[in-house]
Amino acid sequence: MPKLVITLGLTIIRGMKRLFIVRHAKSSWNSPYLSDFDRPLNKRGKRDLPDMANRFLEMGYPVDLIVASPAKRAWVTAKRFAKALDISNDNFLDDERFYHASTSILMEVISNIDDSVNNLMIFGHNPGLTSLIGKLSDFNLYNLPTCAVCGIEFPFDSWREIQNHQGEKFYYDFPKSRA
């Protein structure tokens, strides 16, 4: 039976994995000479990003590892969350496979995460992230908004099991949810 542990007012059940899926903040299309990979955040993205990182921080959920697409808009979003959550560079990775990844690629990468990581946060792009949420949970989401965070909890202790199990959405927030 999983062991209950109380930490900072949160109940954590050992033998559980938590995945936080974050879409990059709103990006700019104002520079047609830039590649899609190099697009920066726009004014709204720069405004929403610190607010969303702080809102997540206030919830008190632990994050052990961040994995991000190296595309500028996703990487900047991930780095801002890492700063707010006090995640060291040792616990921050970028993975080129996350750039416009399909659901199957995302699941493959996640399934190979070291099992010592219980709370994983990933940053990437649509439509892959929205599809991933639908595949991994019963959360019926049409479109993951920019800078949105979705948390899914799984009843297993190895990331390899993500290929065979659905989890339960326990957290969802997006910039306009408090508008």
N, C-alpha and C. Protein backbone atom coordinates (compact mmCIF):
# COMPACT_ATOMS: atom_id res chain seq x y z
N MET A 1 0.84 -1.18 0.00
CA MET A 1 0.00 0.00 0.00
C MET A 1 0.89 1.24 0.00
N PRO A 2 0.54 2.29 -0.82
CA PRO A 2 1.35 3.49 -0.84
C PRO A 2 1.41 4.17 0.52
N LYS A 3 2.54 4.76 0.81
CA LYS A 3 2.76 5.44 2.08
C LYS A 3 2.40 6.91 1.95
N LEU A 4 1.62 7.45 2.90
CA LEU A 4 1.24 8.86 2.90
C LEU A 4 2.32 9.67 3.60
N VAL A 5 2.65 10.80 3.03
CA VAL A 5 3.62 11.71 3.62
C VAL A 5 3.01 13.11 3.55
N ILE A 6 3.09 13.87 4.64
CA ILE A 6 2.59 15.24 4.65
C ILE A 6 3.79 16.18 4.55
N THR A 7 3.79 17.04 3.52
CA THR A 7 4.87 17.99 3.30
C THR A 7 4.27 19.34 2.95
N LEU A 8 4.60 20.37 3.69
CA LEU A 8 4.14 21.73 3.43
C LEU A 8 2.63 21.79 3.22
N GLY A 9 1.90 21.03 4.00
CA GLY A 9 0.45 21.07 3.90
C GLY A 9 -0.12 20.23 2.76
N LEU A 10 0.73 19.61 1.95
CA LEU A 10 0.26 18.78 0.85
C LEU A 10 0.39 17.31 1.23
N THR A 11 -0.56 16.52 0.85
CA THR A 11 -0.46 15.08 1.04
C THR A 11 0.13 14.48 -0.22
N ILE A 12 1.22 13.78 -0.08
CA ILE A 12 1.86 13.13 -1.21
C ILE A 12 1.82 11.63 -0.95
N ILE A 13 1.37 10.90 -1.94
CA ILE A 13 1.30 9.45 -1.80
C ILE A 13 2.49 8.87 -2.54
N ARG A 14 3.35 8.17 -1.80
CA ARG A 14 4.50 7.52 -2.45
C ARG A 14 3.96 6.46 -3.40
N GLY A 15 4.67 6.28 -4.47
CA GLY A 15 4.19 5.35 -5.49
C GLY A 15 3.31 6.08 -6.49
N MET A 16 3.32 7.40 -6.43
CA MET A 16 2.55 8.22 -7.37
C MET A 16 3.54 9.07 -8.17
N LYS A 17 3.17 9.36 -9.40
CA LYS A 17 3.93 10.27 -10.24
C LYS A 17 3.00 11.41 -10.63
N ARG A 18 3.57 12.61 -10.66
CA ARG A 18 2.82 13.78 -11.10
C ARG A 18 3.53 14.40 -12.30
N LEU A 19 2.73 14.68 -13.33
CA LEU A 19 3.22 15.30 -14.54
C LEU A 19 2.52 16.64 -14.70
N PHE A 20 3.30 17.71 -14.82
CA PHE A 20 2.77 19.04 -15.08
C PHE A 20 3.11 19.38 -16.53
N ILE A 21 2.09 19.65 -17.32
CA ILE A 21 2.24 19.93 -18.74
C ILE A 21 1.97 21.42 -18.94
N VAL A 22 2.97 22.12 -19.51
CA VAL A 22 2.87 23.57 -19.66
C VAL A 22 3.12 23.95 -21.12
N ARG A 23 2.18 24.70 -21.67
CA ARG A 23 2.38 25.24 -23.01
C ARG A 23 3.13 26.56 -22.87
N HIS A 24 4.02 26.83 -23.80
CA HIS A 24 4.79 28.08 -23.78
C HIS A 24 3.86 29.29 -23.73
N ALA A 25 4.38 30.41 -23.21
CA ALA A 25 3.64 31.66 -23.18
C ALA A 25 3.44 32.18 -24.61
N LYS A 26 2.51 33.10 -24.76
CA LYS A 26 2.14 33.65 -26.07
C LYS A 26 3.38 34.22 -26.78
N SER A 27 3.53 33.84 -28.05
CA SER A 27 4.70 34.26 -28.81
C SER A 27 4.35 35.26 -29.89
N SER A 28 5.38 35.91 -30.38
CA SER A 28 5.23 36.97 -31.37
C SER A 28 5.35 36.42 -32.79
N TRP A 29 4.55 36.97 -33.68
CA TRP A 29 4.63 36.68 -35.10
C TRP A 29 5.08 37.93 -35.86
N ASN A 30 5.61 38.93 -35.16
CA ASN A 30 5.92 40.23 -35.76
C ASN A 30 7.20 40.26 -36.57
N SER A 31 8.01 39.24 -36.50
CA SER A 31 9.28 39.24 -37.24
C SER A 31 9.29 38.11 -38.25
N PRO A 32 8.83 38.38 -39.46
CA PRO A 32 8.72 37.31 -40.46
C PRO A 32 10.05 36.69 -40.86
N TYR A 33 11.15 37.38 -40.60
CA TYR A 33 12.47 36.84 -40.94
C TYR A 33 12.96 35.80 -39.95
N LEU A 34 12.34 35.73 -38.76
CA LEU A 34 12.75 34.74 -37.77
C LEU A 34 12.14 33.38 -38.08
N SER A 35 12.89 32.34 -37.79
CA SER A 35 12.33 31.00 -37.93
C SER A 35 11.32 30.77 -36.81
N ASP A 36 10.45 29.81 -36.99
CA ASP A 36 9.47 29.47 -35.96
C ASP A 36 10.19 29.13 -34.65
N PHE A 37 11.29 28.44 -34.75
CA PHE A 37 12.07 28.01 -33.58
C PHE A 37 12.54 29.21 -32.75
N ASP A 38 12.84 30.32 -33.40
CA ASP A 38 13.43 31.49 -32.73
C ASP A 38 12.41 32.56 -32.33
N ARG A 39 11.12 32.31 -32.51
CA ARG A 39 10.14 33.34 -32.18
C ARG A 39 10.16 33.66 -30.68
N PRO A 40 10.21 34.94 -30.31
CA PRO A 40 10.22 35.34 -28.90
C PRO A 40 8.80 35.47 -28.36
N LEU A 41 8.70 35.75 -27.08
CA LEU A 41 7.40 36.02 -26.48
C LEU A 41 6.92 37.41 -26.92
N ASN A 42 5.60 37.55 -27.02
CA ASN A 42 5.05 38.86 -27.30
C ASN A 42 4.72 39.56 -25.98
N LYS A 43 4.12 40.74 -26.08
CA LYS A 43 3.81 41.54 -24.89
C LYS A 43 2.91 40.78 -23.91
N ARG A 44 1.88 40.13 -24.43
CA ARG A 44 0.98 39.36 -23.56
C ARG A 44 1.70 38.18 -22.92
N GLY A 45 2.54 37.50 -23.68
CA GLY A 45 3.30 36.39 -23.13
C GLY A 45 4.21 36.84 -22.00
N LYS A 46 4.88 37.96 -22.19
CA LYS A 46 5.76 38.50 -21.15
C LYS A 46 4.97 38.92 -19.91
N ARG A 47 3.73 39.35 -20.10
CA ARG A 47 2.88 39.74 -18.97
C ARG A 47 2.34 38.50 -18.24
N ASP A 48 1.87 37.51 -19.00
CA ASP A 48 1.24 36.32 -18.40
C ASP A 48 2.24 35.42 -17.69
N LEU A 49 3.45 35.34 -18.22
CA LEU A 49 4.43 34.37 -17.73
C LEU A 49 4.75 34.51 -16.24
N PRO A 50 5.15 35.68 -15.74
CA PRO A 50 5.46 35.75 -14.30
C PRO A 50 4.23 35.49 -13.43
N ASP A 51 3.07 35.92 -13.89
CA ASP A 51 1.84 35.68 -13.14
C ASP A 51 1.55 34.18 -13.01
N MET A 52 1.66 33.46 -14.12
CA MET A 52 1.38 32.02 -14.09
C MET A 52 2.42 31.26 -13.28
N ALA A 53 3.68 31.64 -13.38
CA ALA A 53 4.72 30.98 -12.59
C ALA A 53 4.47 31.21 -11.10
N ASN A 54 4.10 32.43 -10.74
CA ASN A 54 3.82 32.73 -9.33
C ASN A 54 2.56 32.04 -8.84
N ARG A 55 1.53 31.96 -9.68
CA ARG A 55 0.31 31.25 -9.29
C ARG A 55 0.60 29.77 -9.02
N PHE A 56 1.43 29.18 -9.87
CA PHE A 56 1.80 27.78 -9.66
C PHE A 56 2.62 27.64 -8.37
N LEU A 57 3.56 28.53 -8.16
CA LEU A 57 4.38 28.50 -6.96
C LEU A 57 3.51 28.58 -5.70
N GLU A 58 2.50 29.43 -5.71
CA GLU A 58 1.61 29.58 -4.56
C GLU A 58 0.86 28.29 -4.22
N MET A 59 0.68 27.42 -5.19
CA MET A 59 -0.02 26.14 -4.93
C MET A 59 0.86 25.19 -4.11
N GLY A 60 2.16 25.36 -4.16
CA GLY A 60 3.07 24.56 -3.34
C GLY A 60 3.39 23.19 -3.87
N TYR A 61 3.08 22.90 -5.12
CA TYR A 61 3.41 21.59 -5.67
C TYR A 61 4.91 21.48 -5.92
N PRO A 62 5.52 20.37 -5.52
CA PRO A 62 6.94 20.20 -5.78
C PRO A 62 7.20 19.86 -7.25
N VAL A 63 8.35 20.26 -7.75
CA VAL A 63 8.80 19.88 -9.09
C VAL A 63 10.24 19.41 -8.95
N ASP A 64 10.51 18.19 -9.39
CA ASP A 64 11.84 17.61 -9.29
C ASP A 64 12.69 17.87 -10.53
N LEU A 65 12.04 17.93 -11.68
CA LEU A 65 12.77 18.05 -12.95
C LEU A 65 11.90 18.80 -13.95
N ILE A 66 12.54 19.68 -14.72
CA ILE A 66 11.90 20.37 -15.84
C ILE A 66 12.55 19.90 -17.12
N VAL A 67 11.73 19.56 -18.11
CA VAL A 67 12.21 19.23 -19.45
C VAL A 67 11.46 20.13 -20.42
N ALA A 68 12.20 20.83 -21.28
CA ALA A 68 11.58 21.83 -22.15
C ALA A 68 12.03 21.67 -23.59
N SER A 69 11.15 22.10 -24.48
CA SER A 69 11.54 22.28 -25.87
C SER A 69 12.60 23.39 -25.90
N PRO A 70 13.62 23.26 -26.75
CA PRO A 70 14.62 24.31 -26.83
C PRO A 70 14.19 25.51 -27.69
N ALA A 71 13.00 25.46 -28.28
CA ALA A 71 12.51 26.63 -29.03
C ALA A 71 12.44 27.82 -28.08
N LYS A 72 12.80 28.99 -28.57
CA LYS A 72 12.96 30.16 -27.69
C LYS A 72 11.76 30.40 -26.80
N ARG A 73 10.54 30.38 -27.34
CA ARG A 73 9.35 30.70 -26.55
C ARG A 73 9.11 29.68 -25.44
N ALA A 74 9.38 28.41 -25.69
CA ALA A 74 9.20 27.36 -24.67
C ALA A 74 10.33 27.41 -23.65
N TRP A 75 11.55 27.60 -24.12
CA TRP A 75 12.70 27.64 -23.24
C TRP A 75 12.61 28.82 -22.28
N VAL A 76 12.24 30.00 -22.77
CA VAL A 76 12.09 31.18 -21.92
C VAL A 76 10.98 30.95 -20.89
N THR A 77 9.88 30.35 -21.31
CA THR A 77 8.78 30.05 -20.38
C THR A 77 9.26 29.10 -19.29
N ALA A 78 9.95 28.05 -19.69
CA ALA A 78 10.45 27.06 -18.72
C ALA A 78 11.46 27.68 -17.76
N LYS A 79 12.35 28.51 -18.27
CA LYS A 79 13.36 29.13 -17.41
C LYS A 79 12.72 30.06 -16.37
N ARG A 80 11.65 30.74 -16.76
CA ARG A 80 10.96 31.64 -15.80
C ARG A 80 10.29 30.81 -14.70
N PHE A 81 9.67 29.70 -15.07
CA PHE A 81 9.09 28.80 -14.06
C PHE A 81 10.19 28.25 -13.17
N ALA A 82 11.31 27.83 -13.76
CA ALA A 82 12.42 27.28 -12.99
C ALA A 82 12.92 28.29 -11.97
N LYS A 83 13.02 29.54 -12.38
CA LYS A 83 13.47 30.58 -11.46
C LYS A 83 12.48 30.75 -10.31
N ALA A 84 11.19 30.82 -10.63
CA ALA A 84 10.16 30.99 -9.59
C ALA A 84 10.15 29.81 -8.62
N LEU A 85 10.39 28.61 -9.15
CA LEU A 85 10.34 27.39 -8.33
C LEU A 85 11.69 27.03 -7.72
N ASP A 86 12.70 27.84 -7.98
CA ASP A 86 14.05 27.62 -7.47
C ASP A 86 14.60 26.26 -7.92
N ILE A 87 14.41 25.96 -9.20
CA ILE A 87 14.92 24.72 -9.80
C ILE A 87 16.32 25.00 -10.32
N SER A 88 17.28 24.20 -9.90
CA SER A 88 18.67 24.41 -10.33
C SER A 88 18.86 23.97 -11.78
N ASN A 89 19.94 24.43 -12.38
CA ASN A 89 20.27 24.02 -13.75
C ASN A 89 20.48 22.51 -13.87
N ASP A 90 20.88 21.86 -12.77
CA ASP A 90 21.04 20.41 -12.77
C ASP A 90 19.71 19.69 -12.96
N ASN A 91 18.62 20.35 -12.63
CA ASN A 91 17.28 19.76 -12.74
C ASN A 91 16.46 20.41 -13.84
N PHE A 92 17.16 20.95 -14.84
CA PHE A 92 16.54 21.60 -15.99
C PHE A 92 17.20 21.07 -17.25
N LEU A 93 16.40 20.47 -18.12
CA LEU A 93 16.91 19.93 -19.38
C LEU A 93 16.12 20.48 -20.54
N ASP A 94 16.78 20.71 -21.66
CA ASP A 94 16.02 20.93 -22.88
C ASP A 94 16.21 19.71 -23.77
N ASP A 95 15.17 19.39 -24.49
CA ASP A 95 15.19 18.18 -25.31
C ASP A 95 14.61 18.54 -26.68
N GLU A 96 15.44 18.46 -27.70
CA GLU A 96 15.02 18.85 -29.04
C GLU A 96 13.81 18.04 -29.54
N ARG A 97 13.59 16.87 -28.98
CA ARG A 97 12.43 16.06 -29.39
C ARG A 97 11.11 16.71 -28.97
N PHE A 98 11.14 17.66 -28.03
CA PHE A 98 9.93 18.34 -27.57
C PHE A 98 9.46 19.44 -28.52
N TYR A 99 10.29 19.83 -29.48
CA TYR A 99 9.90 20.88 -30.42
C TYR A 99 8.86 20.32 -31.38
N HIS A 100 7.64 20.77 -31.23
CA HIS A 100 6.49 20.32 -32.03
C HIS A 100 6.35 18.79 -32.04
N ALA A 101 6.54 18.19 -30.90
CA ALA A 101 6.50 16.73 -30.77
C ALA A 101 5.08 16.19 -30.84
N SER A 102 4.98 15.00 -31.36
CA SER A 102 3.70 14.26 -31.36
C SER A 102 3.49 13.67 -29.97
N THR A 103 2.29 13.23 -29.73
CA THR A 103 1.97 12.59 -28.45
C THR A 103 2.85 11.37 -28.22
N SER A 104 3.07 10.57 -29.24
CA SER A 104 3.87 9.36 -29.06
C SER A 104 5.32 9.69 -28.70
N ILE A 105 5.88 10.72 -29.29
CA ILE A 105 7.26 11.12 -28.94
C ILE A 105 7.30 11.64 -27.51
N LEU A 106 6.34 12.48 -27.13
CA LEU A 106 6.30 12.98 -25.76
C LEU A 106 6.20 11.84 -24.76
N MET A 107 5.35 10.87 -25.03
CA MET A 107 5.19 9.73 -24.12
C MET A 107 6.46 8.89 -24.07
N GLU A 108 7.14 8.75 -25.19
CA GLU A 108 8.40 8.00 -25.20
C GLU A 108 9.45 8.68 -24.32
N VAL A 109 9.58 9.99 -24.47
CA VAL A 109 10.56 10.73 -23.66
C VAL A 109 10.20 10.63 -22.17
N ILE A 110 8.94 10.85 -21.85
CA ILE A 110 8.50 10.80 -20.45
C ILE A 110 8.72 9.41 -19.86
N SER A 111 8.44 8.38 -20.64
CA SER A 111 8.57 7.01 -20.12
C SER A 111 10.01 6.63 -19.81
N ASN A 112 10.95 7.42 -20.31
CA ASN A 112 12.37 7.17 -20.04
C ASN A 112 12.95 8.08 -18.97
N ILE A 113 12.11 8.85 -18.29
CA ILE A 113 12.58 9.69 -17.18
C ILE A 113 12.96 8.78 -16.02
N ASP A 114 14.03 9.12 -15.34
CA ASP A 114 14.48 8.33 -14.19
C ASP A 114 13.38 8.28 -13.13
N ASP A 115 13.17 7.12 -12.58
CA ASP A 115 12.09 6.92 -11.61
C ASP A 115 12.31 7.62 -10.28
N SER A 116 13.50 8.16 -10.05
CA SER A 116 13.71 8.96 -8.83
C SER A 116 12.98 10.30 -8.93
N VAL A 117 12.58 10.68 -10.14
CA VAL A 117 11.79 11.90 -10.35
C VAL A 117 10.32 11.57 -10.13
N ASN A 118 9.71 12.18 -9.15
CA ASN A 118 8.29 11.95 -8.88
C ASN A 118 7.41 13.04 -9.46
N ASN A 119 7.95 14.24 -9.62
CA ASN A 119 7.17 15.40 -10.07
C ASN A 119 7.89 16.04 -11.25
N LEU A 120 7.37 15.77 -12.43
CA LEU A 120 7.99 16.20 -13.68
C LEU A 120 7.17 17.32 -14.30
N MET A 121 7.85 18.37 -14.77
CA MET A 121 7.20 19.47 -15.47
C MET A 121 7.80 19.56 -16.86
N ILE A 122 6.92 19.52 -17.88
CA ILE A 122 7.39 19.61 -19.26
C ILE A 122 6.82 20.87 -19.92
N PHE A 123 7.59 21.43 -20.85
CA PHE A 123 7.20 22.64 -21.58
C PHE A 123 7.33 22.37 -23.06
N GLY A 124 6.28 22.71 -23.80
CA GLY A 124 6.32 22.48 -25.23
C GLY A 124 5.23 23.21 -25.97
N HIS A 125 4.70 22.54 -26.99
CA HIS A 125 3.87 23.17 -28.01
C HIS A 125 2.59 22.37 -28.28
N ASN A 126 1.62 23.06 -28.82
CA ASN A 126 0.43 22.41 -29.34
C ASN A 126 0.67 22.05 -30.80
N PRO A 127 -0.02 21.08 -31.33
CA PRO A 127 -1.14 20.35 -30.74
C PRO A 127 -0.72 19.16 -29.87
N GLY A 128 0.57 18.88 -29.82
CA GLY A 128 1.06 17.71 -29.09
C GLY A 128 0.68 17.69 -27.63
N LEU A 129 0.79 18.85 -26.95
CA LEU A 129 0.49 18.87 -25.51
C LEU A 129 -1.00 18.64 -25.23
N THR A 130 -1.87 19.25 -26.03
CA THR A 130 -3.30 19.03 -25.84
C THR A 130 -3.64 17.56 -26.06
N SER A 131 -3.07 16.97 -27.10
CA SER A 131 -3.31 15.55 -27.37
C SER A 131 -2.77 14.67 -26.25
N LEU A 132 -1.62 15.05 -25.70
CA LEU A 132 -1.02 14.29 -24.59
C LEU A 132 -1.96 14.28 -23.38
N ILE A 133 -2.53 15.42 -23.06
CA ILE A 133 -3.46 15.51 -21.93
C ILE A 133 -4.65 14.59 -22.16
N GLY A 134 -5.20 14.59 -23.39
CA GLY A 134 -6.32 13.71 -23.71
C GLY A 134 -5.96 12.24 -23.63
N LYS A 135 -4.76 11.91 -24.02
CA LYS A 135 -4.30 10.51 -23.99
C LYS A 135 -4.05 10.03 -22.57
N LEU A 136 -3.52 10.93 -21.71
CA LEU A 136 -3.09 10.52 -20.38
C LEU A 136 -4.14 10.72 -19.29
N SER A 137 -5.27 11.34 -19.62
CA SER A 137 -6.29 11.60 -18.59
C SER A 137 -7.67 11.61 -19.22
N ASP A 138 -8.68 11.75 -18.36
CA ASP A 138 -10.05 11.87 -18.86
C ASP A 138 -10.46 13.34 -19.00
N PHE A 139 -9.49 14.24 -18.91
CA PHE A 139 -9.75 15.68 -19.05
C PHE A 139 -10.00 15.97 -20.52
N ASN A 140 -11.22 16.37 -20.84
CA ASN A 140 -11.62 16.63 -22.21
C ASN A 140 -11.31 18.09 -22.54
N LEU A 141 -10.13 18.35 -23.05
CA LEU A 141 -9.65 19.69 -23.33
C LEU A 141 -9.53 19.86 -24.83
N TYR A 142 -10.17 20.88 -25.35
CA TYR A 142 -10.13 21.14 -26.80
C TYR A 142 -8.79 21.75 -27.20
N ASN A 143 -8.27 22.66 -26.38
CA ASN A 143 -7.03 23.35 -26.72
C ASN A 143 -6.36 23.85 -25.45
N LEU A 144 -5.11 23.46 -25.21
CA LEU A 144 -4.36 23.96 -24.07
C LEU A 144 -3.92 25.39 -24.40
N PRO A 145 -4.42 26.38 -23.65
CA PRO A 145 -4.04 27.77 -23.95
C PRO A 145 -2.57 28.04 -23.70
N THR A 146 -2.06 29.13 -24.27
CA THR A 146 -0.68 29.51 -24.02
C THR A 146 -0.50 29.79 -22.53
N CYS A 147 0.61 29.34 -22.00
CA CYS A 147 1.04 29.50 -20.61
C CYS A 147 0.13 28.77 -19.60
N ALA A 148 -0.69 27.86 -20.11
CA ALA A 148 -1.55 27.06 -19.23
C ALA A 148 -0.74 25.92 -18.61
N VAL A 149 -1.18 25.47 -17.43
CA VAL A 149 -0.55 24.37 -16.72
C VAL A 149 -1.61 23.33 -16.41
N CYS A 150 -1.35 22.09 -16.77
CA CYS A 150 -2.24 20.98 -16.44
C CYS A 150 -1.45 19.94 -15.66
N GLY A 151 -1.95 19.56 -14.49
CA GLY A 151 -1.31 18.54 -13.68
C GLY A 151 -2.08 17.24 -13.72
N ILE A 152 -1.39 16.15 -13.98
CA ILE A 152 -2.00 14.82 -14.03
C ILE A 152 -1.24 13.92 -13.06
N GLU A 153 -1.98 13.19 -12.25
CA GLU A 153 -1.39 12.30 -11.25
C GLU A 153 -1.62 10.85 -11.68
N PHE A 154 -0.59 10.02 -11.50
CA PHE A 154 -0.63 8.62 -11.93
C PHE A 154 -0.42 7.68 -10.76
N PRO A 155 -1.14 6.56 -10.74
CA PRO A 155 -1.05 5.60 -9.62
C PRO A 155 0.04 4.55 -9.81
N PHE A 156 1.24 4.98 -10.15
CA PHE A 156 2.35 4.04 -10.32
C PHE A 156 3.64 4.71 -9.90
N ASP A 157 4.70 3.91 -9.78
CA ASP A 157 5.97 4.48 -9.32
C ASP A 157 7.08 4.42 -10.37
N SER A 158 6.74 4.07 -11.63
CA SER A 158 7.71 4.06 -12.71
C SER A 158 7.14 4.79 -13.92
N TRP A 159 7.90 5.72 -14.46
CA TRP A 159 7.44 6.47 -15.63
C TRP A 159 7.20 5.56 -16.83
N ARG A 160 7.82 4.38 -16.85
CA ARG A 160 7.58 3.44 -17.96
C ARG A 160 6.11 3.05 -18.06
N GLU A 161 5.41 3.12 -16.93
CA GLU A 161 3.99 2.73 -16.90
C GLU A 161 3.07 3.74 -17.59
N ILE A 162 3.59 4.90 -17.94
CA ILE A 162 2.76 5.92 -18.56
C ILE A 162 2.17 5.44 -19.89
N GLN A 163 2.85 4.49 -20.50
CA GLN A 163 2.35 3.93 -21.77
C GLN A 163 1.08 3.10 -21.57
N ASN A 164 0.85 2.63 -20.33
CA ASN A 164 -0.24 1.69 -20.08
C ASN A 164 -1.34 2.18 -19.16
N HIS A 165 -1.22 3.40 -18.64
CA HIS A 165 -2.19 3.88 -17.66
C HIS A 165 -2.67 5.29 -17.97
N GLN A 166 -3.89 5.55 -17.59
CA GLN A 166 -4.39 6.91 -17.60
C GLN A 166 -4.29 7.46 -16.19
N GLY A 167 -4.07 8.73 -16.08
CA GLY A 167 -4.01 9.38 -14.79
C GLY A 167 -5.24 10.23 -14.57
N GLU A 168 -5.19 11.01 -13.50
CA GLU A 168 -6.31 11.88 -13.14
C GLU A 168 -5.83 13.33 -13.09
N LYS A 169 -6.54 14.21 -13.80
CA LYS A 169 -6.22 15.62 -13.75
C LYS A 169 -6.53 16.13 -12.35
N PHE A 170 -5.56 16.79 -11.72
CA PHE A 170 -5.80 17.33 -10.38
C PHE A 170 -5.52 18.83 -10.34
N TYR A 171 -4.98 19.38 -11.44
CA TYR A 171 -4.65 20.80 -11.45
C TYR A 171 -4.80 21.32 -12.87
N TYR A 172 -5.39 22.50 -13.00
CA TYR A 172 -5.47 23.16 -14.31
C TYR A 172 -5.63 24.65 -14.06
N ASP A 173 -4.78 25.43 -14.70
CA ASP A 173 -4.85 26.89 -14.60
C ASP A 173 -4.33 27.48 -15.89
N PHE A 174 -4.89 28.63 -16.27
CA PHE A 174 -4.48 29.33 -17.48
C PHE A 174 -4.64 30.82 -17.25
N PRO A 175 -3.94 31.65 -18.03
CA PRO A 175 -3.91 33.08 -17.74
C PRO A 175 -5.27 33.75 -17.58
N LYS A 176 -6.23 33.43 -18.42
CA LYS A 176 -7.52 34.12 -18.36
C LYS A 176 -8.49 33.51 -17.34
N SER A 177 -8.04 32.53 -16.57
CA SER A 177 -8.95 31.90 -15.60
C SER A 177 -9.31 32.86 -14.47
N ARG A 178 -8.51 33.89 -14.26
CA ARG A 178 -8.79 34.87 -13.20
C ARG A 178 -9.08 36.25 -13.79
N ALA A 179 -9.49 36.27 -15.04
CA ALA A 179 -9.76 37.56 -15.70
C ALA A 179 -11.06 38.18 -15.21
